[in-house]
């Protein structure tokens, strides 16, 4: 079942986002199992949303790649505020 995860990095900047993504995502694409990625600045930080093929793939990336790579020079610091859910409805254009 598809899995939705959001990360909010309080105080995060677009430059920190770009540094982090370039360090943890493969060049020109998404990590294996990630089918959607969107991010942008919002009041107080950066909000990132990703859709994964499964919870297991999301968990593997977050613990085994993202957090294991921290700290990243010029990237985010600390842990994000995280929300996640099994997807019950996924629509595309």
PDB file of N, CA and C in Angstrom:
ATOM      1  N   UNK A   1       0.850  -1.187   0.000  1.00  0.00           N
ATOM      2  CA  UNK A   1       0.000   0.000   0.000  1.00  0.00           C
ATOM      3  C   UNK A   1       0.887   1.239   0.000  1.00  0.00           C
ATOM      4  N   UNK A   2       0.525   2.233  -0.805  1.00  0.00           N
ATOM      5  CA  UNK A   2       1.290   3.478  -0.884  1.00  0.00           C
ATOM      6  C   UNK A   2       1.303   4.177   0.467  1.00  0.00           C
ATOM      7  N   UNK A   3       2.357   4.930   0.695  1.00  0.00           N
ATOM      8  CA  UNK A   3       2.613   5.547   1.991  1.00  0.00           C
ATOM      9  C   UNK A   3       2.999   7.009   1.796  1.00  0.00           C
ATOM     10  N   UNK A   4       2.386   7.886   2.565  1.00  0.00           N
ATOM     11  CA  UNK A   4       2.627   9.328   2.514  1.00  0.00           C
ATOM     12  C   UNK A   4       3.449   9.741   3.721  1.00  0.00           C
ATOM     13  N   UNK A   5       4.452  10.573   3.480  1.00  0.00           N
ATOM     14  CA  UNK A   5       5.246  11.099   4.590  1.00  0.00           C
ATOM     15  C   UNK A   5       5.506  12.584   4.347  1.00  0.00           C
ATOM     16  N   UNK A   6       5.389  13.380   5.400  1.00  0.00           N
ATOM     17  CA  UNK A   6       5.744  14.798   5.316  1.00  0.00           C
ATOM     18  C   UNK A   6       6.814  15.090   6.352  1.00  0.00           C
ATOM     19  N   UNK A   7       7.718  15.950   5.971  1.00  0.00           N
ATOM     20  CA  UNK A   7       8.735  16.459   6.885  1.00  0.00           C
ATOM     21  C   UNK A   7       8.650  17.979   6.883  1.00  0.00           C
ATOM     22  N   UNK A   8       8.593  18.554   8.070  1.00  0.00           N
ATOM     23  CA  UNK A   8       8.684  20.004   8.211  1.00  0.00           C
ATOM     24  C   UNK A   8       9.971  20.289   8.967  1.00  0.00           C
ATOM     25  N   UNK A   9      10.844  21.082   8.355  1.00  0.00           N
ATOM     26  CA  UNK A   9      12.111  21.464   8.974  1.00  0.00           C
ATOM     27  C   UNK A   9      11.969  22.900   9.458  1.00  0.00           C
ATOM     28  N   UNK A  10      11.684  23.097  10.754  1.00  0.00           N
ATOM     29  CA  UNK A  10      11.554  24.456  11.286  1.00  0.00           C
ATOM     30  C   UNK A  10      12.830  25.256  11.035  1.00  0.00           C
ATOM     31  N   UNK A  11      12.659  26.466  10.544  1.00  0.00           N
ATOM     32  CA  UNK A  11      13.797  27.329  10.279  1.00  0.00           C
ATOM     33  C   UNK A  11      14.583  26.956   9.039  1.00  0.00           C
ATOM     34  N   UNK A  12      14.171  25.898   8.343  1.00  0.00           N
ATOM     35  CA  UNK A  12      14.886  25.447   7.149  1.00  0.00           C
ATOM     36  C   UNK A  12      14.763  26.427   6.002  1.00  0.00           C
ATOM     37  N   UNK A  13      15.780  26.439   5.160  1.00  0.00           N
ATOM     38  CA  UNK A  13      15.801  27.323   3.992  1.00  0.00           C
ATOM     39  C   UNK A  13      15.847  26.502   2.709  1.00  0.00           C
ATOM     40  N   UNK A  14      15.566  27.156   1.592  1.00  0.00           N
ATOM     41  CA  UNK A  14      15.641  26.490   0.294  1.00  0.00           C
ATOM     42  C   UNK A  14      17.072  26.028   0.028  1.00  0.00           C
ATOM     43  N   UNK A  15      18.055  26.820   0.410  1.00  0.00           N
ATOM     44  CA  UNK A  15      19.454  26.416   0.220  1.00  0.00           C
ATOM     45  C   UNK A  15      19.767  25.147   1.016  1.00  0.00           C
ATOM     46  N   UNK A  16      19.279  25.050   2.254  1.00  0.00           N
ATOM     47  CA  UNK A  16      19.491  23.840   3.050  1.00  0.00           C
ATOM     48  C   UNK A  16      18.784  22.642   2.415  1.00  0.00           C
ATOM     49  N   UNK A  17      17.576  22.864   1.907  1.00  0.00           N
ATOM     50  CA  UNK A  17      16.844  21.806   1.215  1.00  0.00           C
ATOM     51  C   UNK A  17      17.655  21.307   0.026  1.00  0.00           C
ATOM     52  N   UNK A  18      18.122  22.220  -0.806  1.00  0.00           N
ATOM     53  CA  UNK A  18      18.879  21.832  -1.996  1.00  0.00           C
ATOM     54  C   UNK A  18      20.136  21.050  -1.635  1.00  0.00           C
ATOM     55  N   UNK A  19      20.851  21.468  -0.599  1.00  0.00           N
ATOM     56  CA  UNK A  19      22.058  20.751  -0.169  1.00  0.00           C
ATOM     57  C   UNK A  19      21.710  19.350   0.323  1.00  0.00           C
ATOM     58  N   UNK A  20      20.615  19.236   1.080  1.00  0.00           N
ATOM     59  CA  UNK A  20      20.226  17.942   1.620  1.00  0.00           C
ATOM     60  C   UNK A  20      19.784  16.999   0.514  1.00  0.00           C
ATOM     61  N   UNK A  21      18.917  17.468  -0.371  1.00  0.00           N
ATOM     62  CA  UNK A  21      18.416  16.610  -1.449  1.00  0.00           C
ATOM     63  C   UNK A  21      19.556  16.164  -2.361  1.00  0.00           C
ATOM     64  N   UNK A  22      20.485  17.055  -2.662  1.00  0.00           N
ATOM     65  CA  UNK A  22      21.587  16.661  -3.550  1.00  0.00           C
ATOM     66  C   UNK A  22      22.470  15.597  -2.905  1.00  0.00           C
ATOM     67  N   UNK A  23      22.489  15.535  -1.585  1.00  0.00           N
ATOM     68  CA  UNK A  23      23.302  14.537  -0.890  1.00  0.00           C
ATOM     69  C   UNK A  23      22.593  13.194  -0.722  1.00  0.00           C
ATOM     70  N   UNK A  24      21.260  13.187  -0.675  1.00  0.00           N
ATOM     71  CA  UNK A  24      20.557  11.936  -0.360  1.00  0.00           C
ATOM     72  C   UNK A  24      19.716  11.365  -1.503  1.00  0.00           C
ATOM     73  N   UNK A  25      19.427  12.161  -2.522  1.00  0.00           N
ATOM     74  CA  UNK A  25      18.689  11.658  -3.685  1.00  0.00           C
ATOM     75  C   UNK A  25      19.677  11.318  -4.796  1.00  0.00           C
ATOM     76  N   UNK A  26      19.367  10.300  -5.597  1.00  0.00           N
ATOM     77  CA  UNK A  26      20.240  10.027  -6.745  1.00  0.00           C
ATOM     78  C   UNK A  26      20.168  11.181  -7.744  1.00  0.00           C
ATOM     79  N   UNK A  27      21.240  11.413  -8.465  1.00  0.00           N
ATOM     80  CA  UNK A  27      21.282  12.506  -9.443  1.00  0.00           C
ATOM     81  C   UNK A  27      20.158  12.350 -10.462  1.00  0.00           C
ATOM     82  N   UNK A  28      19.370  13.400 -10.610  1.00  0.00           N
ATOM     83  CA  UNK A  28      18.334  13.422 -11.629  1.00  0.00           C
ATOM     84  C   UNK A  28      17.132  12.535 -11.382  1.00  0.00           C
ATOM     85  N   UNK A  29      16.940  12.069 -10.151  1.00  0.00           N
ATOM     86  CA  UNK A  29      15.802  11.196  -9.926  1.00  0.00           C
ATOM     87  C   UNK A  29      15.421  11.063  -8.459  1.00  0.00           C
ATOM     88  N   UNK A  30      14.561  10.109  -8.223  1.00  0.00           N
ATOM     89  CA  UNK A  30      14.073   9.850  -6.872  1.00  0.00           C
ATOM     90  C   UNK A  30      14.693   8.566  -6.333  1.00  0.00           C
ATOM     91  N   UNK A  31      14.761   8.445  -5.013  1.00  0.00           N
ATOM     92  CA  UNK A  31      15.236   7.191  -4.434  1.00  0.00           C
ATOM     93  C   UNK A  31      14.313   6.040  -4.832  1.00  0.00           C
ATOM     94  N   UNK A  32      14.859   4.833  -4.864  1.00  0.00           N
ATOM     95  CA  UNK A  32      14.064   3.662  -5.204  1.00  0.00           C
ATOM     96  C   UNK A  32      12.854   3.556  -4.280  1.00  0.00           C
ATOM     97  N   UNK A  33      11.678   3.395  -4.868  1.00  0.00           N
ATOM     98  CA  UNK A  33      10.447   3.263  -4.093  1.00  0.00           C
ATOM     99  C   UNK A  33       9.694   4.563  -3.897  1.00  0.00           C
ATOM    100  N   UNK A  34      10.338   5.705  -4.130  1.00  0.00           N
ATOM    101  CA  UNK A  34       9.650   6.992  -3.988  1.00  0.00           C
ATOM    102  C   UNK A  34       9.019   7.330  -5.336  1.00  0.00           C
ATOM    103  N   UNK A  35       7.708   7.607  -5.313  1.00  0.00           N
ATOM    104  CA  UNK A  35       7.012   7.860  -6.571  1.00  0.00           C
ATOM    105  C   UNK A  35       6.589   9.317  -6.738  1.00  0.00           C
ATOM    106  N   UNK A  36       6.745  10.119  -5.697  1.00  0.00           N
ATOM    107  CA  UNK A  36       6.339  11.528  -5.751  1.00  0.00           C
ATOM    108  C   UNK A  36       7.127  12.287  -4.698  1.00  0.00           C
ATOM    109  N   UNK A  37       7.558  13.488  -5.064  1.00  0.00           N
ATOM    110  CA  UNK A  37       8.301  14.338  -4.132  1.00  0.00           C
ATOM    111  C   UNK A  37       7.941  15.782  -4.442  1.00  0.00           C
ATOM    112  N   UNK A  38       7.547  16.530  -3.424  1.00  0.00           N
ATOM    113  CA  UNK A  38       7.273  17.962  -3.574  1.00  0.00           C
ATOM    114  C   UNK A  38       7.780  18.671  -2.333  1.00  0.00           C
ATOM    115  N   UNK A  39       8.286  19.886  -2.514  1.00  0.00           N
ATOM    116  CA  UNK A  39       8.824  20.634  -1.377  1.00  0.00           C
ATOM    117  C   UNK A  39       8.709  22.125  -1.648  1.00  0.00           C
ATOM    118  N   UNK A  40       8.636  22.891  -0.573  1.00  0.00           N
ATOM    119  CA  UNK A  40       8.617  24.334  -0.727  1.00  0.00           C
ATOM    120  C   UNK A  40       8.675  25.041   0.607  1.00  0.00           C
ATOM    121  N   UNK A  41       9.047  26.318   0.551  1.00  0.00           N
ATOM    122  CA  UNK A  41       9.092  27.113   1.772  1.00  0.00           C
ATOM    123  C   UNK A  41       7.686  27.439   2.250  1.00  0.00           C
ATOM    124  N   UNK A  42       7.526  27.467   3.546  1.00  0.00           N
ATOM    125  CA  UNK A  42       6.268  27.841   4.165  1.00  0.00           C
ATOM    126  C   UNK A  42       6.601  28.656   5.405  1.00  0.00           C
ATOM    127  N   UNK A  43       5.599  29.191   6.048  1.00  0.00           N
ATOM    128  CA  UNK A  43       5.851  30.003   7.232  1.00  0.00           C
ATOM    129  C   UNK A  43       6.668  29.211   8.244  1.00  0.00           C
ATOM    130  N   UNK A  44       7.860  29.693   8.535  1.00  0.00           N
ATOM    131  CA  UNK A  44       8.687  29.096   9.571  1.00  0.00           C
ATOM    132  C   UNK A  44       9.608  27.984   9.136  1.00  0.00           C
ATOM    133  N   UNK A  45       9.656  27.639   7.838  1.00  0.00           N
ATOM    134  CA  UNK A  45      10.563  26.572   7.439  1.00  0.00           C
ATOM    135  C   UNK A  45      10.265  26.007   6.061  1.00  0.00           C
ATOM    136  N   UNK A  46      10.652  24.749   5.871  1.00  0.00           N
ATOM    137  CA  UNK A  46      10.468  24.036   4.603  1.00  0.00           C
ATOM    138  C   UNK A  46       9.571  22.829   4.850  1.00  0.00           C
ATOM    139  N   UNK A  47       8.612  22.614   3.956  1.00  0.00           N
ATOM    140  CA  UNK A  47       7.722  21.459   4.030  1.00  0.00           C
ATOM    141  C   UNK A  47       8.011  20.544   2.848  1.00  0.00           C
ATOM    142  N   UNK A  48       8.204  19.261   3.136  1.00  0.00           N
ATOM    143  CA  UNK A  48       8.501  18.260   2.112  1.00  0.00           C
ATOM    144  C   UNK A  48       7.445  17.167   2.197  1.00  0.00           C
ATOM    145  N   UNK A  49       6.920  16.757   1.053  1.00  0.00           N
ATOM    146  CA  UNK A  49       5.952  15.675   0.977  1.00  0.00           C
ATOM    147  C   UNK A  49       6.468  14.633  -0.002  1.00  0.00           C
ATOM    148  N   UNK A  50       6.385  13.370   0.396  1.00  0.00           N
ATOM    149  CA  UNK A  50       6.802  12.289  -0.489  1.00  0.00           C
ATOM    150  C   UNK A  50       5.787  11.156  -0.420  1.00  0.00           C
ATOM    151  N   UNK A  51       5.591  10.509  -1.557  1.00  0.00           N
ATOM    152  CA  UNK A  51       4.767   9.307  -1.616  1.00  0.00           C
ATOM    153  C   UNK A  51       5.697   8.156  -1.984  1.00  0.00           C
ATOM    154  N   UNK A  52       5.560   7.079  -1.238  1.00  0.00           N
ATOM    155  CA  UNK A  52       6.395   5.890  -1.413  1.00  0.00           C
ATOM    156  C   UNK A  52       5.523   4.699  -1.779  1.00  0.00           C
ATOM    157  N   UNK A  53       6.133   3.703  -2.403  1.00  0.00           N
ATOM    158  CA  UNK A  53       5.424   2.470  -2.699  1.00  0.00           C
ATOM    159  C   UNK A  53       4.965   1.766  -1.426  1.00  0.00           C
ATOM    160  N   UNK A  54       5.742   1.901  -0.341  1.00  0.00           N
ATOM    161  CA  UNK A  54       5.403   1.220   0.915  1.00  0.00           C
ATOM    162  C   UNK A  54       6.014   1.947   2.108  1.00  0.00           C
ATOM    163  N   UNK A  55       5.470   1.683   3.282  1.00  0.00           N
ATOM    164  CA  UNK A  55       6.012   2.216   4.536  1.00  0.00           C
ATOM    165  C   UNK A  55       7.442   1.733   4.747  1.00  0.00           C
ATOM    166  N   UNK A  56       7.696   0.481   4.410  1.00  0.00           N
ATOM    167  CA  UNK A  56       9.031  -0.085   4.615  1.00  0.00           C
ATOM    168  C   UNK A  56      10.083   0.666   3.799  1.00  0.00           C
ATOM    169  N   UNK A  57       9.751   1.025   2.555  1.00  0.00           N
ATOM    170  CA  UNK A  57      10.698   1.773   1.742  1.00  0.00           C
ATOM    171  C   UNK A  57      10.920   3.177   2.293  1.00  0.00           C
ATOM    172  N   UNK A  58       9.856   3.812   2.755  1.00  0.00           N
ATOM    173  CA  UNK A  58       9.993   5.147   3.354  1.00  0.00           C
ATOM    174  C   UNK A  58      10.861   5.077   4.604  1.00  0.00           C
ATOM    175  N   UNK A  59      10.567   4.122   5.478  1.00  0.00           N
ATOM    176  CA  UNK A  59      11.349   3.973   6.716  1.00  0.00           C
ATOM    177  C   UNK A  59      12.815   3.690   6.418  1.00  0.00           C
ATOM    178  N   UNK A  60      13.071   2.838   5.434  1.00  0.00           N
ATOM    179  CA  UNK A  60      14.442   2.500   5.070  1.00  0.00           C
ATOM    180  C   UNK A  60      15.202   3.737   4.592  1.00  0.00           C
ATOM    181  N   UNK A  61      14.557   4.561   3.776  1.00  0.00           N
ATOM    182  CA  UNK A  61      15.211   5.775   3.296  1.00  0.00           C
ATOM    183  C   UNK A  61      15.458   6.756   4.434  1.00  0.00           C
ATOM    184  N   UNK A  62      14.432   7.005   5.242  1.00  0.00           N
ATOM    185  CA  UNK A  62      14.569   8.005   6.309  1.00  0.00           C
ATOM    186  C   UNK A  62      15.662   7.601   7.287  1.00  0.00           C
ATOM    187  N   UNK A  63      15.646   6.350   7.748  1.00  0.00           N
ATOM    188  CA  UNK A  63      16.643   5.942   8.740  1.00  0.00           C
ATOM    189  C   UNK A  63      17.987   5.584   8.112  1.00  0.00           C
ATOM    190  N   UNK A  64      17.959   4.869   6.980  1.00  0.00           N
ATOM    191  CA  UNK A  64      19.195   4.358   6.406  1.00  0.00           C
ATOM    192  C   UNK A  64      19.944   5.319   5.510  1.00  0.00           C
ATOM    193  N   UNK A  65      19.265   6.329   4.988  1.00  0.00           N
ATOM    194  CA  UNK A  65      19.921   7.273   4.087  1.00  0.00           C
ATOM    195  C   UNK A  65      19.859   8.711   4.603  1.00  0.00           C
ATOM    196  N   UNK A  66      18.643   9.236   4.810  1.00  0.00           N
ATOM    197  CA  UNK A  66      18.502  10.642   5.195  1.00  0.00           C
ATOM    198  C   UNK A  66      19.160  10.928   6.541  1.00  0.00           C
ATOM    199  N   UNK A  67      18.655  10.303   7.597  1.00  0.00           N
ATOM    200  CA  UNK A  67      19.177  10.608   8.932  1.00  0.00           C
ATOM    201  C   UNK A  67      20.597  10.079   9.119  1.00  0.00           C
ATOM    202  N   UNK A  68      20.930   8.984   8.435  1.00  0.00           N
ATOM    203  CA  UNK A  68      22.294   8.436   8.529  1.00  0.00           C
ATOM    204  C   UNK A  68      23.319   9.353   7.867  1.00  0.00           C
ATOM    205  N   UNK A  69      22.874  10.211   6.951  1.00  0.00           N
ATOM    206  CA  UNK A  69      23.778  11.131   6.251  1.00  0.00           C
ATOM    207  C   UNK A  69      23.995  12.432   7.014  1.00  0.00           C
ATOM    208  N   UNK A  70      23.205  12.671   8.037  1.00  0.00           N
ATOM    209  CA  UNK A  70      23.307  13.917   8.791  1.00  0.00           C
ATOM    210  C   UNK A  70      24.551  13.915   9.678  1.00  0.00           C
ATOM    211  N   UNK A  71      25.191  15.049   9.897  1.00  0.00           N
ATOM    212  CA  UNK A  71      24.882  16.342   9.283  1.00  0.00           C
ATOM    213  C   UNK A  71      25.439  16.416   7.869  1.00  0.00           C
ATOM    214  N   UNK A  72      24.768  17.169   7.046  1.00  0.00           N
ATOM    215  CA  UNK A  72      25.167  17.406   5.668  1.00  0.00           C
ATOM    216  C   UNK A  72      25.629  18.855   5.574  1.00  0.00           C
ATOM    217  N   UNK A  73      26.820  19.058   5.023  1.00  0.00           N
ATOM    218  CA  UNK A  73      27.359  20.415   4.912  1.00  0.00           C
ATOM    219  C   UNK A  73      26.363  21.315   4.185  1.00  0.00           C
ATOM    220  N   UNK A  74      25.933  22.371   4.834  1.00  0.00           N
ATOM    221  CA  UNK A  74      24.999  23.319   4.247  1.00  0.00           C
ATOM    222  C   UNK A  74      23.555  22.862   4.268  1.00  0.00           C
ATOM    223  N   UNK A  75      23.299  21.661   4.798  1.00  0.00           N
ATOM    224  CA  UNK A  75      21.958  21.096   4.799  1.00  0.00           C
ATOM    225  C   UNK A  75      21.216  21.320   6.106  1.00  0.00           C
ATOM    226  N   UNK A  76      20.082  20.618   6.219  1.00  0.00           N
ATOM    227  CA  UNK A  76      19.267  20.706   7.428  1.00  0.00           C
ATOM    228  C   UNK A  76      20.029  20.186   8.638  1.00  0.00           C
ATOM    229  N   UNK A  77      19.621  20.660   9.797  1.00  0.00           N
ATOM    230  CA  UNK A  77      20.195  20.196  11.055  1.00  0.00           C
ATOM    231  C   UNK A  77      19.084  19.634  11.920  1.00  0.00           C
ATOM    232  N   UNK A  78      19.404  18.656  12.729  1.00  0.00           N
ATOM    233  CA  UNK A  78      18.427  18.081  13.640  1.00  0.00           C
ATOM    234  C   UNK A  78      17.456  17.164  12.928  1.00  0.00           C
ATOM    235  N   UNK A  79      16.320  16.939  13.568  1.00  0.00           N
ATOM    236  CA  UNK A  79      15.287  16.062  13.013  1.00  0.00           C
ATOM    237  C   UNK A  79      14.083  16.893  12.600  1.00  0.00           C
ATOM    238  N   UNK A  80      13.405  16.468  11.536  1.00  0.00           N
ATOM    239  CA  UNK A  80      12.208  17.182  11.105  1.00  0.00           C
ATOM    240  C   UNK A  80      10.999  16.792  11.946  1.00  0.00           C
ATOM    241  N   UNK A  81       9.979  17.612  11.877  1.00  0.00           N
ATOM    242  CA  UNK A  81       8.673  17.210  12.393  1.00  0.00           C
ATOM    243  C   UNK A  81       8.075  16.318  11.317  1.00  0.00           C
ATOM    244  N   UNK A  82       7.658  15.120  11.697  1.00  0.00           N
ATOM    245  CA  UNK A  82       7.220  14.143  10.706  1.00  0.00           C
ATOM    246  C   UNK A  82       5.777  13.726  10.931  1.00  0.00           C
ATOM    247  N   UNK A  83       5.065  13.570   9.836  1.00  0.00           N
ATOM    248  CA  UNK A  83       3.716  12.993   9.832  1.00  0.00           C
ATOM    249  C   UNK A  83       3.693  11.965   8.717  1.00  0.00           C
ATOM    250  N   UNK A  84       2.923  10.898   8.910  1.00  0.00           N
ATOM    251  CA  UNK A  84       2.871   9.848   7.899  1.00  0.00           C
ATOM    252  C   UNK A  84       1.513   9.167   7.932  1.00  0.00           C
ATOM    253  N   UNK A  85       1.157   8.540   6.792  1.00  0.00           N
ATOM    254  CA  UNK A  85      -0.129   7.850   6.712  1.00  0.00           C
ATOM    255  C   UNK A  85      -0.113   6.838   5.577  1.00  0.00           C
ATOM    256  N   UNK A  86      -0.830   5.726   5.777  1.00  0.00           N
ATOM    257  CA  UNK A  86      -1.118   4.821   4.677  1.00  0.00           C
ATOM    258  C   UNK A  86      -2.088   5.567   3.762  1.00  0.00           C
ATOM    259  N   UNK A  87      -1.850   5.550   2.477  1.00  0.00           N
ATOM    260  CA  UNK A  87      -2.689   6.292   1.537  1.00  0.00           C
ATOM    261  C   UNK A  87      -3.942   5.496   1.212  1.00  0.00           C
ATOM    262  N   UNK A  88      -5.088   6.150   1.363  1.00  0.00           N
ATOM    263  CA  UNK A  88      -6.364   5.516   1.016  1.00  0.00           C
ATOM    264  C   UNK A  88      -6.914   6.060  -0.300  1.00  0.00           C
ATOM    265  N   UNK A  89      -6.354   7.191  -0.772  1.00  0.00           N
ATOM    266  CA  UNK A  89      -6.804   7.772  -2.037  1.00  0.00           C
ATOM    267  C   UNK A  89      -5.641   8.548  -2.630  1.00  0.00           C
ATOM    268  N   UNK A  90      -5.179   8.126  -3.800  1.00  0.00           N
ATOM    269  CA  UNK A  90      -4.096   8.808  -4.511  1.00  0.00           C
ATOM    270  C   UNK A  90      -4.583   9.100  -5.916  1.00  0.00           C
ATOM    271  N   UNK A  91      -4.729  10.377  -6.245  1.00  0.00           N
ATOM    272  CA  UNK A  91      -5.193  10.785  -7.573  1.00  0.00           C
ATOM    273  C   UNK A  91      -4.096  11.559  -8.264  1.00  0.00           C
ATOM    274  N   UNK A  92      -4.009  11.392  -9.558  1.00  0.00           N
ATOM    275  CA  UNK A  92      -3.063  12.158 -10.354  1.00  0.00           C
ATOM    276  C   UNK A  92      -3.802  12.800 -11.515  1.00  0.00           C
ATOM    277  N   UNK A  93      -3.172  13.783 -12.106  1.00  0.00           N
ATOM    278  CA  UNK A  93      -3.797  14.507 -13.229  1.00  0.00           C
ATOM    279  C   UNK A  93      -3.887  13.632 -14.462  1.00  0.00           C
TER     280      UNK A  93
END
